[in-house]
């Protein structure tokens, strides 16, 4: 299921970032996504799911969870984008 996401974290250079992306696959235990910021395996990230407009969108708020990067797959040069498999370390909760 593809859903819009906002990912917050710290990259490999110690800089905080916020990036909008889309899930490739998401479940109650984790998410697989493409990210343009370079993060290390085992990084802690905060993932917010933005409900699609047809389901009420921003009126419903965002579902947010912390997670840990379990796997990263580089796309190769010159792209700096990476695929990440993130396991949620806490349940998704609604931020209204």
Protein backbone atom coordinates (compact mmCIF):
# COMPACT_ATOMS: atom_id res chain seq x y z
CA UNK A 1 0.00 0.00 0.00
CA UNK A 2 1.38 3.38 -1.00
CA UNK A 3 0.73 6.16 1.52
CA UNK A 4 2.28 9.62 1.87
CA UNK A 5 4.82 9.79 4.72
CA UNK A 6 6.94 12.31 6.55
CA UNK A 7 10.20 10.90 7.96
CA UNK A 8 12.18 12.70 10.68
CA UNK A 9 15.67 11.68 11.75
CA UNK A 10 19.38 12.35 11.76
CA UNK A 11 21.54 11.55 8.74
CA UNK A 12 25.04 10.00 8.71
CA UNK A 13 26.57 13.49 9.07
CA UNK A 14 24.63 14.22 12.26
CA UNK A 15 22.22 16.64 10.57
CA UNK A 16 18.53 16.53 11.46
CA UNK A 17 16.17 16.18 8.50
CA UNK A 18 12.51 15.98 7.59
CA UNK A 19 11.60 14.37 4.26
CA UNK A 20 8.33 13.67 2.52
CA UNK A 21 8.18 10.33 0.74
CA UNK A 22 5.75 7.50 -0.05
CA UNK A 23 5.56 4.02 1.42
CA UNK A 24 6.28 1.12 -0.90
CA UNK A 25 4.84 -1.31 1.62
CA UNK A 26 3.47 -0.65 5.11
CA UNK A 27 1.99 -2.77 7.87
CA UNK A 28 1.34 -2.56 11.60
CA UNK A 29 4.93 -3.65 12.31
CA UNK A 30 6.94 -1.60 9.83
CA UNK A 31 7.38 0.19 6.54
CA UNK A 32 9.52 -0.11 3.37
CA UNK A 33 10.26 3.22 1.67
CA UNK A 34 12.64 5.24 -0.49
CA UNK A 35 14.59 8.01 1.25
CA UNK A 36 16.94 10.65 -0.20
CA UNK A 37 18.80 11.24 3.08
CA UNK A 38 21.59 8.81 3.90
CA UNK A 39 21.00 7.11 7.26
CA UNK A 40 22.80 4.19 8.84
CA UNK A 41 21.41 0.79 9.70
CA UNK A 42 19.96 0.77 13.22
CA UNK A 43 19.14 4.51 12.99
CA UNK A 44 16.07 5.61 14.93
CA UNK A 45 13.53 7.46 12.78
CA UNK A 46 10.08 8.91 13.33
CA UNK A 47 7.58 8.06 10.58
CA UNK A 48 4.27 9.90 10.18
CA UNK A 49 1.57 8.52 7.89
CA UNK A 50 -0.56 11.20 6.28
CA UNK A 51 -4.02 9.77 5.51
CA UNK A 52 -5.05 10.22 1.85
CA UNK A 53 -7.53 13.01 1.12
CA UNK A 54 -10.26 10.57 0.07
CA UNK A 55 -10.24 9.17 3.64
CA UNK A 56 -10.54 12.60 5.25
CA UNK A 57 -6.83 13.43 4.96
CA UNK A 58 -5.44 16.12 7.24
CA UNK A 59 -8.76 16.40 9.06
CA UNK A 60 -8.04 13.04 10.69
CA UNK A 61 -4.49 13.93 11.71
CA UNK A 62 -1.34 11.85 11.28
CA UNK A 63 -0.41 8.43 12.54
CA UNK A 64 3.11 8.53 13.96
CA UNK A 65 5.55 5.89 15.23
CA UNK A 66 9.23 5.53 16.06
CA UNK A 67 11.16 2.86 14.24
CA UNK A 68 14.61 1.39 13.70
CA UNK A 69 16.24 0.81 10.31
CA UNK A 70 16.68 -2.94 9.83
CA UNK A 71 17.90 -2.93 6.23
CA UNK A 72 19.13 -0.39 3.73
CA UNK A 73 19.65 -0.87 -0.01
CA UNK A 74 21.51 1.77 -2.03
CA UNK A 75 20.25 2.54 -5.53
CA UNK A 76 23.79 3.10 -6.81
CA UNK A 77 25.61 6.07 -8.31
CA UNK A 78 24.87 8.83 -9.00
CA UNK A 79 21.65 8.52 -6.95
CA UNK A 80 22.03 8.98 -3.23
CA UNK A 81 18.59 7.55 -2.55
CA UNK A 82 18.23 4.40 -0.48
CA UNK A 83 15.51 1.87 0.19
CA UNK A 84 14.89 1.39 3.91
CA UNK A 85 13.13 -1.35 5.82
CA UNK A 86 12.02 0.16 9.14
CA UNK A 87 10.59 -1.85 12.02
CA UNK A 88 8.31 0.11 14.31
CA UNK A 89 9.54 0.09 17.90
CA UNK A 90 6.26 1.54 19.14
CA UNK A 91 2.69 1.28 17.87
CA UNK A 92 1.35 3.88 15.49
CA UNK A 93 -0.60 6.52 17.40
CA UNK A 94 -2.89 9.26 16.15
CA UNK A 95 -1.69 12.89 16.36
CA UNK A 96 -4.70 15.14 15.92
